Structures are given as structure tokens and as C-alpha cells.
């Protein structure tokens, strides 16, 4: 028999070291690569948007840029309000800025959710509680957006012509599609026991987290205050951009158009809503009484301010946070 010498394996060690450092370097460069790809794909939109910005009134544009910056503060407040533990403020704000860039590079909601989930787990929250906090944030933000839209529609019932925005013949197929999705989801939950058990466990954790948050007034105020402030600030950016380009629509009507358009495209899985949001906003502004040419210019300028200008610094921030192991 021939003796064969086996490699010396230490407990918990692999024979070859996994190149974690190299992987982290690749992850640092990935956001910039994705920004380049997205920018090249939408270069015509970028060119048109910047061309409209050159003809706008700069005081209004500066106010719109300031409101855009405040949206990250509002998102930070909502994220903090969704958990009982105190999160590091500066890193939380930087993470929201980076999450905005990630959200425009991945299908809607996935980029920001992944960044924030990783941030909370690095801060020491268990994965189950981090997921519950993420679900609470998404629920509160959705409730805030829809409630704000409902309040504005009650106050200004003539702000939007729904018949122009959504044809009457579309309501039937839309309701049928929603019913089919609900039936399929219910059937899957009934037939797949593991999925049902996982969902019930998540709901128990989420309800416990929500109760804990609402026993602390400061956290509840941050959660719901940020949830209402975030869509309100986004709508104000559109209003200020419309003022800069001379769109002759009342501010409240522009806000209703924005909220209605974003609610309508919430389920469209495109990166950051790129493409779907622009189309819906143009249609909504025209339905609110604006000329199609001016409405298109306003939407392009609005998307440049809220998406394209912060995209490169946001991607750089995301890369820095990955490198510093914040996320």
C-alpha cells in the first residue's frame, strides 16, 4: 500500500482562501458600470432633459434640487421609525442616498430594499427583524402615498380627468387581472405548506416589530411623518420644475398628477420606474390640463433632477459604503 499525504485542513478553513477582497472590489465597481450602461441606453432622454434645463428659471430649479435632497432625509426618518434600535444617523443618511442609486439600477424597490436590508443586518439586527422593518417601511410609505393622493382628490376633485388617464374599457381587464393574481396567491399559500409557514412566521415577527415601534412615540412619529413627507417632497419637486418651465397647471393639480402616476406604475418592474414613470407622468399632466409639449419637457427635466444628477454620486457613495463594509 502507498501512503498518500492529505492536505493540512484546519477546522473551519477551506483548502484555498476565498478571494473575498477581490469580490468586494468588483462590487465597488459594479454600480458605476451599471450607471454607464443605463446612461448609454437612455442618452436621448438625458440630452433632451438637460436641454430643457438650460431654458428653465434657475431659482425654481435650485428649490427643486433642495427638495430632492430633503427626500433622503425623509427616507432616513422613516427607516429609523421602522426599528426600535437607534441607527447611526450619518451612515443611515448615506445609505439612503446610495439606496436611491441602487433603486434606479435594479427593478423598482429591489435595489433600495437590498441595500437597507444589508445595512440593518450589519448594524446588528437579526435578518428576521430587518425584513420585518423593511416590510413595515414599505407598508407605511405606500399608505402615506395613497392617503395623500386621496386627501388631495377630495380637496380638488377636478384636479385630474380619470377618463382621460384611464379609459373606461380598461377597468374590467384590470379588475380581472387583480382577481386572478389574488386567487393564484391564495392557492399557492394553501397548497405549499412551507411557504405558508414562512409567511405566518414573518407576519408574527412583523406585527411584533410594529407593536414595539408604536409603543415609542418618537419612532411612530418618525415612521409616519417620513412616510407622508417623502411623497409630498417628491410631488413638490415636480411642482417646482413645472414652475421653472412655465407649466400652466395649479400646484395642487400637479401634485395629484404626480401621486396618481406613481401609484399607477408602482407594480411595473422596471429599474427605478425608468420609462414607465415618464410616460405615466406625461399622461397625468396632460390629463390635468397641461399642453403635451410642455408637460413632456417638465417630466424630462424632473427626471434629470431626481434621477440622473444624483445617480453618479449615489453610485460612488454605494461603492464607498461597500468598501468600508457599512453594507
C-alpha atoms as a PDB file:
ATOM      1  CA  UNK A   1       0.000   0.000   0.000  1.00  0.00           C
ATOM      2  CA  UNK A   2       1.143   3.540  -0.742  1.00  0.00           C
ATOM      3  CA  UNK A   3       0.690   6.242   1.836  1.00  0.00           C
ATOM      4  CA  UNK A   4      -0.974   9.385   0.491  1.00  0.00           C
ATOM      5  CA  UNK A   5      -0.394  12.640   2.364  1.00  0.00           C
ATOM      6  CA  UNK A   6      -3.598  14.645   2.680  1.00  0.00           C
ATOM      7  CA  UNK A   7      -3.571  18.460   2.727  1.00  0.00           C
ATOM      8  CA  UNK A   8      -3.467  20.011   6.181  1.00  0.00           C
ATOM      9  CA  UNK A   9      -7.020  21.276   6.729  1.00  0.00           C
ATOM     10  CA  UNK A  10      -7.684  23.423   9.750  1.00  0.00           C
ATOM     11  CA  UNK A  11     -11.162  23.349  11.285  1.00  0.00           C
ATOM     12  CA  UNK A  12     -13.406  25.976   9.686  1.00  0.00           C
ATOM     13  CA  UNK A  13     -10.880  26.735   6.920  1.00  0.00           C
ATOM     14  CA  UNK A  14     -11.128  25.984   3.202  1.00  0.00           C
ATOM     15  CA  UNK A  15      -8.181  24.447   1.300  1.00  0.00           C
ATOM     16  CA  UNK A  16      -7.992  27.611  -0.787  1.00  0.00           C
ATOM     17  CA  UNK A  17      -8.824  31.039   0.537  1.00  0.00           C
ATOM     18  CA  UNK A  18     -11.947  32.538  -0.980  1.00  0.00           C
ATOM     19  CA  UNK A  19     -10.995  35.855  -2.691  1.00  0.00           C
ATOM     20  CA  UNK A  20     -13.365  37.980  -0.626  1.00  0.00           C
ATOM     21  CA  UNK A  21     -11.274  41.115  -1.138  1.00  0.00           C
ATOM     22  CA  UNK A  22     -11.369  40.713  -4.917  1.00  0.00           C
ATOM     23  CA  UNK A  23     -15.136  40.150  -4.793  1.00  0.00           C
ATOM     24  CA  UNK A  24     -15.589  43.323  -2.744  1.00  0.00           C
ATOM     25  CA  UNK A  25     -13.522  45.288  -5.281  1.00  0.00           C
ATOM     26  CA  UNK A  26     -15.778  44.027  -8.068  1.00  0.00           C
ATOM     27  CA  UNK A  27     -18.854  45.020  -6.086  1.00  0.00           C
ATOM     28  CA  UNK A  28     -17.389  48.525  -5.640  1.00  0.00           C
ATOM     29  CA  UNK A  29     -17.042  48.967  -9.405  1.00  0.00           C
ATOM     30  CA  UNK A  30     -20.378  47.354 -10.323  1.00  0.00           C
ATOM     31  CA  UNK A  31     -22.597  50.409  -9.524  1.00  0.00           C
ATOM     32  CA  UNK A  32     -20.507  52.677 -11.793  1.00  0.00           C
ATOM     33  CA  UNK A  33     -20.663  50.108 -14.579  1.00  0.00           C
ATOM     34  CA  UNK A  34     -24.447  49.868 -14.256  1.00  0.00           C
ATOM     35  CA  UNK A  35     -24.741  53.682 -14.279  1.00  0.00           C
ATOM     36  CA  UNK A  36     -22.791  53.794 -17.540  1.00  0.00           C
ATOM     37  CA  UNK A  37     -24.969  51.131 -19.134  1.00  0.00           C
ATOM     38  CA  UNK A  38     -28.221  52.813 -18.085  1.00  0.00           C
ATOM     39  CA  UNK A  39     -26.982  56.250 -19.197  1.00  0.00           C
ATOM     40  CA  UNK A  40     -25.989  54.942 -22.632  1.00  0.00           C
ATOM     41  CA  UNK A  41     -29.367  53.245 -23.058  1.00  0.00           C
ATOM     42  CA  UNK A  42     -31.212  56.497 -22.209  1.00  0.00           C
ATOM     43  CA  UNK A  43     -28.821  59.011 -23.781  1.00  0.00           C
ATOM     44  CA  UNK A  44     -31.551  60.630 -25.879  1.00  0.00           C
ATOM     45  CA  UNK A  45     -33.687  61.230 -22.786  1.00  0.00           C
ATOM     46  CA  UNK A  46     -30.692  62.689 -20.964  1.00  0.00           C
ATOM     47  CA  UNK A  47     -29.851  65.030 -23.846  1.00  0.00           C
ATOM     48  CA  UNK A  48     -33.443  66.280 -24.080  1.00  0.00           C
ATOM     49  CA  UNK A  49     -33.731  66.713 -20.319  1.00  0.00           C
ATOM     50  CA  UNK A  50     -30.547  68.761 -19.996  1.00  0.00           C
ATOM     51  CA  UNK A  51     -31.586  70.864 -22.999  1.00  0.00           C
ATOM     52  CA  UNK A  52     -34.824  71.798 -21.225  1.00  0.00           C
ATOM     53  CA  UNK A  53     -32.934  72.608 -18.014  1.00  0.00           C
ATOM     54  CA  UNK A  54     -30.905  75.257 -19.879  1.00  0.00           C
ATOM     55  CA  UNK A  55     -34.084  77.193 -20.693  1.00  0.00           C
ATOM     56  CA  UNK A  56     -35.603  76.973 -17.190  1.00  0.00           C
ATOM     57  CA  UNK A  57     -35.721  79.582 -14.415  1.00  0.00           C
ATOM     58  CA  UNK A  58     -32.844  78.655 -12.089  1.00  0.00           C
ATOM     59  CA  UNK A  59     -34.326  79.799  -8.739  1.00  0.00           C
ATOM     60  CA  UNK A  60     -37.138  77.283  -9.152  1.00  0.00           C
ATOM     61  CA  UNK A  61     -34.658  74.577 -10.191  1.00  0.00           C
ATOM     62  CA  UNK A  62     -32.480  75.217  -7.150  1.00  0.00           C
ATOM     63  CA  UNK A  63     -35.554  74.892  -4.941  1.00  0.00           C
ATOM     64  CA  UNK A  64     -36.382  71.608  -6.711  1.00  0.00           C
ATOM     65  CA  UNK A  65     -32.846  70.323  -6.080  1.00  0.00           C
ATOM     66  CA  UNK A  66     -33.172  71.261  -2.399  1.00  0.00           C
ATOM     67  CA  UNK A  67     -36.471  69.395  -2.107  1.00  0.00           C
ATOM     68  CA  UNK A  68     -34.844  66.372  -3.748  1.00  0.00           C
ATOM     69  CA  UNK A  69     -32.136  66.372  -1.065  1.00  0.00           C
ATOM     70  CA  UNK A  70     -34.815  66.506   1.638  1.00  0.00           C
ATOM     71  CA  UNK A  71     -36.371  63.295   0.286  1.00  0.00           C
ATOM     72  CA  UNK A  72     -33.318  61.376   1.535  1.00  0.00           C
ATOM     73  CA  UNK A  73     -33.791  62.910   4.978  1.00  0.00           C
ATOM     74  CA  UNK A  74     -37.464  61.866   4.945  1.00  0.00           C
ATOM     75  CA  UNK A  75     -36.493  58.325   3.900  1.00  0.00           C
ATOM     76  CA  UNK A  76     -33.962  58.199   6.742  1.00  0.00           C
ATOM     77  CA  UNK A  77     -36.634  59.220   9.253  1.00  0.00           C
ATOM     78  CA  UNK A  78     -38.978  56.510   8.006  1.00  0.00           C
ATOM     79  CA  UNK A  79     -36.248  53.854   8.124  1.00  0.00           C
ATOM     80  CA  UNK A  80     -35.347  54.836  11.693  1.00  0.00           C
ATOM     81  CA  UNK A  81     -39.002  54.832  12.689  1.00  0.00           C
ATOM     82  CA  UNK A  82     -39.396  51.242  11.484  1.00  0.00           C
ATOM     83  CA  UNK A  83     -36.979  49.858  14.110  1.00  0.00           C
ATOM     84  CA  UNK A  84     -36.731  50.300  17.872  1.00  0.00           C
ATOM     85  CA  UNK A  85     -32.919  50.344  17.957  1.00  0.00           C
ATOM     86  CA  UNK A  86     -31.123  53.591  17.262  1.00  0.00           C
ATOM     87  CA  UNK A  87     -29.347  53.507  13.896  1.00  0.00           C
ATOM     88  CA  UNK A  88     -26.189  55.592  13.239  1.00  0.00           C
ATOM     89  CA  UNK A  89     -27.532  58.805  11.687  1.00  0.00           C
ATOM     90  CA  UNK A  90     -24.783  59.688   9.260  1.00  0.00           C
ATOM     91  CA  UNK A  91     -24.442  56.166   7.913  1.00  0.00           C
ATOM     92  CA  UNK A  92     -28.226  55.905   7.691  1.00  0.00           C
ATOM     93  CA  UNK A  93     -28.447  59.085   5.600  1.00  0.00           C
ATOM     94  CA  UNK A  94     -25.566  57.989   3.368  1.00  0.00           C
ATOM     95  CA  UNK A  95     -27.239  54.614   2.925  1.00  0.00           C
ATOM     96  CA  UNK A  96     -30.497  56.266   1.766  1.00  0.00           C
ATOM     97  CA  UNK A  97     -28.560  58.308  -0.791  1.00  0.00           C
ATOM     98  CA  UNK A  98     -26.824  55.162  -2.041  1.00  0.00           C
ATOM     99  CA  UNK A  99     -30.084  53.194  -1.956  1.00  0.00           C
ATOM    100  CA  UNK A 100     -31.635  55.764  -4.311  1.00  0.00           C
ATOM    101  CA  UNK A 101     -28.943  54.995  -6.884  1.00  0.00           C
ATOM    102  CA  UNK A 102     -29.358  51.244  -6.400  1.00  0.00           C
ATOM    103  CA  UNK A 103     -33.107  51.631  -6.838  1.00  0.00           C
ATOM    104  CA  UNK A 104     -32.611  53.181 -10.281  1.00  0.00           C
ATOM    105  CA  UNK A 105     -30.255  50.409 -11.395  1.00  0.00           C
ATOM    106  CA  UNK A 106     -32.369  47.416 -10.346  1.00  0.00           C
ATOM    107  CA  UNK A 107     -36.092  46.627 -10.687  1.00  0.00           C
ATOM    108  CA  UNK A 108     -38.254  49.003  -8.675  1.00  0.00           C
ATOM    109  CA  UNK A 109     -37.803  48.642  -4.929  1.00  0.00           C
ATOM    110  CA  UNK A 110     -35.300  45.764  -5.066  1.00  0.00           C
ATOM    111  CA  UNK A 111     -32.152  47.903  -5.089  1.00  0.00           C
ATOM    112  CA  UNK A 112     -33.083  50.092  -2.127  1.00  0.00           C
ATOM    113  CA  UNK A 113     -34.510  47.139  -0.223  1.00  0.00           C
ATOM    114  CA  UNK A 114     -31.326  45.087  -0.650  1.00  0.00           C
ATOM    115  CA  UNK A 115     -29.100  47.990   0.449  1.00  0.00           C
ATOM    116  CA  UNK A 116     -31.204  48.771   3.519  1.00  0.00           C
ATOM    117  CA  UNK A 117     -31.583  45.116   4.485  1.00  0.00           C
ATOM    118  CA  UNK A 118     -27.822  44.694   4.380  1.00  0.00           C
ATOM    119  CA  UNK A 119     -27.301  47.935   6.341  1.00  0.00           C
ATOM    120  CA  UNK A 120     -29.635  46.846   9.152  1.00  0.00           C
ATOM    121  CA  UNK A 121     -28.045  43.408   9.447  1.00  0.00           C
ATOM    122  CA  UNK A 122     -24.571  44.991   9.610  1.00  0.00           C
ATOM    123  CA  UNK A 123     -25.919  47.244  12.405  1.00  0.00           C
ATOM    124  CA  UNK A 124     -26.707  44.097  14.385  1.00  0.00           C
ATOM    125  CA  UNK A 125     -30.408  43.487  13.708  1.00  0.00           C
ATOM    126  CA  UNK A 126     -31.327  39.832  13.049  1.00  0.00           C
ATOM    127  CA  UNK A 127     -32.378  39.062   9.484  1.00  0.00           C
ATOM    128  CA  UNK A 128     -35.974  38.306  10.522  1.00  0.00           C
ATOM    129  CA  UNK A 129     -36.374  41.663  12.275  1.00  0.00           C
ATOM    130  CA  UNK A 130     -34.590  43.519   9.468  1.00  0.00           C
ATOM    131  CA  UNK A 131     -37.014  42.000   6.958  1.00  0.00           C
ATOM    132  CA  UNK A 132     -39.962  42.911   9.192  1.00  0.00           C
ATOM    133  CA  UNK A 133     -38.714  46.503   9.465  1.00  0.00           C
ATOM    134  CA  UNK A 134     -38.326  46.641   5.689  1.00  0.00           C
ATOM    135  CA  UNK A 135     -41.893  45.419   5.221  1.00  0.00           C
ATOM    136  CA  UNK A 136     -43.173  47.968   7.752  1.00  0.00           C
ATOM    137  CA  UNK A 137     -41.360  50.754   5.893  1.00  0.00           C
ATOM    138  CA  UNK A 138     -42.827  49.733   2.524  1.00  0.00           C
ATOM    139  CA  UNK A 139     -46.316  49.459   4.005  1.00  0.00           C
ATOM    140  CA  UNK A 140     -46.117  52.862   5.720  1.00  0.00           C
ATOM    141  CA  UNK A 141     -44.742  54.559   2.600  1.00  0.00           C
ATOM    142  CA  UNK A 142     -47.499  53.057   0.440  1.00  0.00           C
ATOM    143  CA  UNK A 143     -50.190  54.094   2.921  1.00  0.00           C
ATOM    144  CA  UNK A 144     -48.755  57.615   3.085  1.00  0.00           C
ATOM    145  CA  UNK A 145     -48.681  57.986  -0.708  1.00  0.00           C
ATOM    146  CA  UNK A 146     -52.210  56.642  -1.260  1.00  0.00           C
ATOM    147  CA  UNK A 147     -53.638  58.623   1.690  1.00  0.00           C
ATOM    148  CA  UNK A 148     -52.051  61.833   0.407  1.00  0.00           C
ATOM    149  CA  UNK A 149     -53.479  61.190  -3.051  1.00  0.00           C
ATOM    150  CA  UNK A 150     -56.935  60.516  -1.592  1.00  0.00           C
ATOM    151  CA  UNK A 151     -56.866  63.674   0.507  1.00  0.00           C
ATOM    152  CA  UNK A 152     -55.873  65.815  -2.482  1.00  0.00           C
ATOM    153  CA  UNK A 153     -58.553  64.243  -4.683  1.00  0.00           C
ATOM    154  CA  UNK A 154     -61.178  65.019  -2.024  1.00  0.00           C
ATOM    155  CA  UNK A 155     -59.939  68.601  -1.731  1.00  0.00           C
ATOM    156  CA  UNK A 156     -59.547  69.068  -5.502  1.00  0.00           C
ATOM    157  CA  UNK A 157     -61.986  66.683  -7.214  1.00  0.00           C
ATOM    158  CA  UNK A 158     -61.463  68.310 -10.620  1.00  0.00           C
ATOM    159  CA  UNK A 159     -57.670  68.045 -10.482  1.00  0.00           C
ATOM    160  CA  UNK A 160     -57.478  65.012 -12.739  1.00  0.00           C
ATOM    161  CA  UNK A 161     -59.619  63.683 -15.552  1.00  0.00           C
ATOM    162  CA  UNK A 162     -59.587  59.968 -14.825  1.00  0.00           C
ATOM    163  CA  UNK A 163     -61.460  59.235 -18.031  1.00  0.00           C
ATOM    164  CA  UNK A 164     -58.546  60.693 -19.984  1.00  0.00           C
ATOM    165  CA  UNK A 165     -55.939  58.994 -17.821  1.00  0.00           C
ATOM    166  CA  UNK A 166     -57.527  55.528 -17.735  1.00  0.00           C
ATOM    167  CA  UNK A 167     -60.066  54.511 -20.398  1.00  0.00           C
ATOM    168  CA  UNK A 168     -63.314  53.078 -19.060  1.00  0.00           C
ATOM    169  CA  UNK A 169     -62.747  49.870 -21.042  1.00  0.00           C
ATOM    170  CA  UNK A 170     -59.541  49.240 -19.047  1.00  0.00           C
ATOM    171  CA  UNK A 171     -61.221  48.864 -15.665  1.00  0.00           C
ATOM    172  CA  UNK A 172     -62.720  45.448 -16.460  1.00  0.00           C
ATOM    173  CA  UNK A 173     -59.455  43.764 -17.530  1.00  0.00           C
ATOM    174  CA  UNK A 174     -57.629  45.488 -14.673  1.00  0.00           C
ATOM    175  CA  UNK A 175     -60.016  44.145 -12.040  1.00  0.00           C
ATOM    176  CA  UNK A 176     -59.944  40.705 -13.659  1.00  0.00           C
ATOM    177  CA  UNK A 177     -56.150  40.681 -13.564  1.00  0.00           C
ATOM    178  CA  UNK A 178     -56.127  41.667  -9.887  1.00  0.00           C
ATOM    179  CA  UNK A 179     -58.646  38.930  -9.087  1.00  0.00           C
ATOM    180  CA  UNK A 180     -56.542  36.307 -10.912  1.00  0.00           C
ATOM    181  CA  UNK A 181     -53.410  37.333  -9.012  1.00  0.00           C
ATOM    182  CA  UNK A 182     -55.255  37.160  -5.665  1.00  0.00           C
ATOM    183  CA  UNK A 183     -56.682  33.699  -6.449  1.00  0.00           C
ATOM    184  CA  UNK A 184     -53.293  32.335  -7.552  1.00  0.00           C
ATOM    185  CA  UNK A 185     -51.576  33.720  -4.449  1.00  0.00           C
ATOM    186  CA  UNK A 186     -54.238  32.227  -2.161  1.00  0.00           C
ATOM    187  CA  UNK A 187     -53.990  28.837  -3.909  1.00  0.00           C
ATOM    188  CA  UNK A 188     -50.189  28.785  -3.583  1.00  0.00           C
ATOM    189  CA  UNK A 189     -50.417  29.580   0.130  1.00  0.00           C
ATOM    190  CA  UNK A 190     -52.985  26.825   0.691  1.00  0.00           C
ATOM    191  CA  UNK A 191     -51.061  24.162  -1.273  1.00  0.00           C
ATOM    192  CA  UNK A 192     -47.457  24.965  -0.276  1.00  0.00           C
ATOM    193  CA  UNK A 193     -47.153  24.355   3.445  1.00  0.00           C
ATOM    194  CA  UNK A 194     -43.574  25.590   3.814  1.00  0.00           C
ATOM    195  CA  UNK A 195     -44.391  28.878   2.145  1.00  0.00           C
ATOM    196  CA  UNK A 196     -47.457  29.284   4.358  1.00  0.00           C
ATOM    197  CA  UNK A 197     -45.402  28.592   7.492  1.00  0.00           C
ATOM    198  CA  UNK A 198     -42.695  31.054   6.421  1.00  0.00           C
ATOM    199  CA  UNK A 199     -45.290  33.722   5.706  1.00  0.00           C
ATOM    200  CA  UNK A 200     -47.005  33.241   9.071  1.00  0.00           C
ATOM    201  CA  UNK A 201     -43.645  33.424  10.861  1.00  0.00           C
ATOM    202  CA  UNK A 202     -42.801  36.632   9.010  1.00  0.00           C
ATOM    203  CA  UNK A 203     -46.190  38.164   9.834  1.00  0.00           C
ATOM    204  CA  UNK A 204     -45.783  37.350  13.538  1.00  0.00           C
ATOM    205  CA  UNK A 205     -42.360  38.992  13.552  1.00  0.00           C
ATOM    206  CA  UNK A 206     -43.639  41.995  11.592  1.00  0.00           C
ATOM    207  CA  UNK A 207     -46.621  42.514  13.901  1.00  0.00           C
ATOM    208  CA  UNK A 208     -44.395  42.282  16.957  1.00  0.00           C
ATOM    209  CA  UNK A 209     -41.999  44.829  15.452  1.00  0.00           C
ATOM    210  CA  UNK A 210     -44.869  47.174  14.578  1.00  0.00           C
ATOM    211  CA  UNK A 211     -46.256  46.969  18.144  1.00  0.00           C
ATOM    212  CA  UNK A 212     -42.834  47.697  19.615  1.00  0.00           C
ATOM    213  CA  UNK A 213     -42.318  50.703  17.339  1.00  0.00           C
ATOM    214  CA  UNK A 214     -45.731  52.209  18.121  1.00  0.00           C
ATOM    215  CA  UNK A 215     -45.151  51.980  21.876  1.00  0.00           C
ATOM    216  CA  UNK A 216     -42.452  54.637  21.400  1.00  0.00           C
ATOM    217  CA  UNK A 217     -43.950  57.982  20.235  1.00  0.00           C
ATOM    218  CA  UNK A 218     -40.652  59.208  18.747  1.00  0.00           C
ATOM    219  CA  UNK A 219     -40.372  56.136  16.497  1.00  0.00           C
ATOM    220  CA  UNK A 220     -44.036  56.269  15.445  1.00  0.00           C
ATOM    221  CA  UNK A 221     -43.699  59.972  14.592  1.00  0.00           C
ATOM    222  CA  UNK A 222     -40.573  59.314  12.531  1.00  0.00           C
ATOM    223  CA  UNK A 223     -42.229  56.397  10.731  1.00  0.00           C
ATOM    224  CA  UNK A 224     -45.458  58.129   9.731  1.00  0.00           C
ATOM    225  CA  UNK A 225     -44.047  61.634   9.435  1.00  0.00           C
ATOM    226  CA  UNK A 226     -41.414  60.426   6.990  1.00  0.00           C
ATOM    227  CA  UNK A 227     -43.962  58.300   5.126  1.00  0.00           C
ATOM    228  CA  UNK A 228     -46.100  61.357   4.372  1.00  0.00           C
ATOM    229  CA  UNK A 229     -43.189  63.758   3.889  1.00  0.00           C
ATOM    230  CA  UNK A 230     -41.425  61.594   1.291  1.00  0.00           C
ATOM    231  CA  UNK A 231     -44.168  61.593  -1.409  1.00  0.00           C
ATOM    232  CA  UNK A 232     -45.074  65.196  -0.561  1.00  0.00           C
ATOM    233  CA  UNK A 233     -41.480  66.287  -1.199  1.00  0.00           C
ATOM    234  CA  UNK A 234     -41.332  64.293  -4.422  1.00  0.00           C
ATOM    235  CA  UNK A 235     -44.537  65.955  -5.618  1.00  0.00           C
ATOM    236  CA  UNK A 236     -43.135  69.369  -4.678  1.00  0.00           C
ATOM    237  CA  UNK A 237     -40.093  68.711  -6.886  1.00  0.00           C
ATOM    238  CA  UNK A 238     -42.419  68.214  -9.862  1.00  0.00           C
ATOM    239  CA  UNK A 239     -44.363  71.365  -8.953  1.00  0.00           C
ATOM    240  CA  UNK A 240     -41.167  73.435  -8.723  1.00  0.00           C
ATOM    241  CA  UNK A 241     -39.876  72.018 -12.002  1.00  0.00           C
ATOM    242  CA  UNK A 242     -43.193  72.863 -13.641  1.00  0.00           C
ATOM    243  CA  UNK A 243     -42.902  76.429 -12.351  1.00  0.00           C
ATOM    244  CA  UNK A 244     -39.360  76.640 -13.720  1.00  0.00           C
ATOM    245  CA  UNK A 245     -40.540  75.669 -17.214  1.00  0.00           C
ATOM    246  CA  UNK A 246     -43.782  77.664 -17.185  1.00  0.00           C
ATOM    247  CA  UNK A 247     -46.287  74.792 -16.999  1.00  0.00           C
ATOM    248  CA  UNK A 248     -49.670  76.450 -16.543  1.00  0.00           C
ATOM    249  CA  UNK A 249     -51.263  73.982 -14.086  1.00  0.00           C
ATOM    250  CA  UNK A 250     -52.210  74.742 -10.450  1.00  0.00           C
ATOM    251  CA  UNK A 251     -49.652  73.298  -7.988  1.00  0.00           C
ATOM    252  CA  UNK A 252     -52.231  71.063  -6.290  1.00  0.00           C
ATOM    253  CA  UNK A 253     -53.239  69.599  -9.656  1.00  0.00           C
ATOM    254  CA  UNK A 254     -49.590  68.854 -10.488  1.00  0.00           C
ATOM    255  CA  UNK A 255     -49.177  67.133  -7.130  1.00  0.00           C
ATOM    256  CA  UNK A 256     -52.267  64.997  -7.794  1.00  0.00           C
ATOM    257  CA  UNK A 257     -50.917  64.111 -11.243  1.00  0.00           C
ATOM    258  CA  UNK A 258     -47.603  63.018  -9.765  1.00  0.00           C
ATOM    259  CA  UNK A 259     -49.129  60.892  -7.000  1.00  0.00           C
ATOM    260  CA  UNK A 260     -51.645  59.282  -9.365  1.00  0.00           C
ATOM    261  CA  UNK A 261     -48.927  58.438 -11.897  1.00  0.00           C
ATOM    262  CA  UNK A 262     -46.548  56.939  -9.334  1.00  0.00           C
ATOM    263  CA  UNK A 263     -49.302  54.877  -7.726  1.00  0.00           C
ATOM    264  CA  UNK A 264     -50.323  53.606 -11.179  1.00  0.00           C
ATOM    265  CA  UNK A 265     -46.807  52.426 -12.089  1.00  0.00           C
ATOM    266  CA  UNK A 266     -45.902  51.038  -8.649  1.00  0.00           C
ATOM    267  CA  UNK A 267     -46.232  47.448  -9.874  1.00  0.00           C
ATOM    268  CA  UNK A 268     -44.273  47.932 -13.099  1.00  0.00           C
ATOM    269  CA  UNK A 269     -40.940  46.108 -12.599  1.00  0.00           C
ATOM    270  CA  UNK A 270     -38.604  48.499 -14.433  1.00  0.00           C
ATOM    271  CA  UNK A 271     -35.358  49.838 -12.909  1.00  0.00           C
ATOM    272  CA  UNK A 272     -36.380  52.891 -10.896  1.00  0.00           C
ATOM    273  CA  UNK A 273     -39.518  53.166 -12.984  1.00  0.00           C
ATOM    274  CA  UNK A 274     -37.341  54.449 -15.860  1.00  0.00           C
ATOM    275  CA  UNK A 275     -39.595  54.712 -18.910  1.00  0.00           C
ATOM    276  CA  UNK A 276     -42.870  53.826 -17.212  1.00  0.00           C
ATOM    277  CA  UNK A 277     -42.790  56.803 -14.805  1.00  0.00           C
ATOM    278  CA  UNK A 278     -42.005  59.266 -17.585  1.00  0.00           C
ATOM    279  CA  UNK A 279     -44.901  58.034 -19.731  1.00  0.00           C
ATOM    280  CA  UNK A 280     -47.365  57.989 -16.830  1.00  0.00           C
ATOM    281  CA  UNK A 281     -46.342  61.475 -15.674  1.00  0.00           C
ATOM    282  CA  UNK A 282     -46.774  62.977 -19.138  1.00  0.00           C
ATOM    283  CA  UNK A 283     -50.225  61.398 -19.474  1.00  0.00           C
ATOM    284  CA  UNK A 284     -51.204  62.546 -15.963  1.00  0.00           C
ATOM    285  CA  UNK A 285     -50.053  66.143 -16.554  1.00  0.00           C
ATOM    286  CA  UNK A 286     -51.935  66.276 -19.862  1.00  0.00           C
ATOM    287  CA  UNK A 287     -54.998  64.880 -18.066  1.00  0.00           C
ATOM    288  CA  UNK A 288     -54.585  67.674 -15.503  1.00  0.00           C
ATOM    289  CA  UNK A 289     -54.825  70.258 -18.291  1.00  0.00           C
ATOM    290  CA  UNK A 290     -51.238  70.852 -19.401  1.00  0.00           C
ATOM    291  CA  UNK A 291     -50.034  71.109 -23.017  1.00  0.00           C
ATOM    292  CA  UNK A 292     -48.382  67.898 -24.157  1.00  0.00           C
ATOM    293  CA  UNK A 293     -45.118  69.556 -25.293  1.00  0.00           C
ATOM    294  CA  UNK A 294     -44.597  71.497 -22.061  1.00  0.00           C
ATOM    295  CA  UNK A 295     -45.641  68.501 -19.935  1.00  0.00           C
ATOM    296  CA  UNK A 296     -43.029  66.335 -21.698  1.00  0.00           C
ATOM    297  CA  UNK A 297     -40.332  68.969 -21.093  1.00  0.00           C
ATOM    298  CA  UNK A 298     -41.263  69.215 -17.414  1.00  0.00           C
ATOM    299  CA  UNK A 299     -41.173  65.433 -16.935  1.00  0.00           C
ATOM    300  CA  UNK A 300     -37.783  65.095 -18.624  1.00  0.00           C
ATOM    301  CA  UNK A 301     -36.319  67.916 -16.509  1.00  0.00           C
ATOM    302  CA  UNK A 302     -37.912  66.432 -13.370  1.00  0.00           C
ATOM    303  CA  UNK A 303     -36.329  63.035 -14.006  1.00  0.00           C
ATOM    304  CA  UNK A 304     -32.927  64.618 -14.655  1.00  0.00           C
ATOM    305  CA  UNK A 305     -33.083  66.374 -11.261  1.00  0.00           C
ATOM    306  CA  UNK A 306     -34.398  63.420  -9.268  1.00  0.00           C
ATOM    307  CA  UNK A 307     -32.694  60.508 -11.051  1.00  0.00           C
ATOM    308  CA  UNK A 308     -29.818  61.345 -13.349  1.00  0.00           C
ATOM    309  CA  UNK A 309     -27.987  64.104 -11.455  1.00  0.00           C
ATOM    310  CA  UNK A 310     -27.785  62.118  -8.162  1.00  0.00           C
ATOM    311  CA  UNK A 311     -27.050  58.819  -9.947  1.00  0.00           C
ATOM    312  CA  UNK A 312     -23.255  59.084 -10.285  1.00  0.00           C
ATOM    313  CA  UNK A 313     -22.593  60.467  -6.751  1.00  0.00           C
ATOM    314  CA  UNK A 314     -25.078  57.946  -5.410  1.00  0.00           C
ATOM    315  CA  UNK A 315     -23.236  55.103  -7.146  1.00  0.00           C
ATOM    316  CA  UNK A 316     -19.914  56.399  -5.780  1.00  0.00           C
ATOM    317  CA  UNK A 317     -21.420  56.516  -2.290  1.00  0.00           C
ATOM    318  CA  UNK A 318     -22.710  52.969  -2.717  1.00  0.00           C
ATOM    319  CA  UNK A 319     -19.254  51.788  -3.768  1.00  0.00           C
ATOM    320  CA  UNK A 320     -17.666  53.568  -0.790  1.00  0.00           C
ATOM    321  CA  UNK A 321     -20.154  52.011   1.651  1.00  0.00           C
ATOM    322  CA  UNK A 322     -19.385  48.555   0.247  1.00  0.00           C
ATOM    323  CA  UNK A 323     -15.661  49.183   0.550  1.00  0.00           C
ATOM    324  CA  UNK A 324     -15.991  50.441   4.127  1.00  0.00           C
ATOM    325  CA  UNK A 325     -18.186  47.413   4.980  1.00  0.00           C
ATOM    326  CA  UNK A 326     -21.100  49.623   6.029  1.00  0.00           C
ATOM    327  CA  UNK A 327     -23.265  47.456   3.781  1.00  0.00           C
END
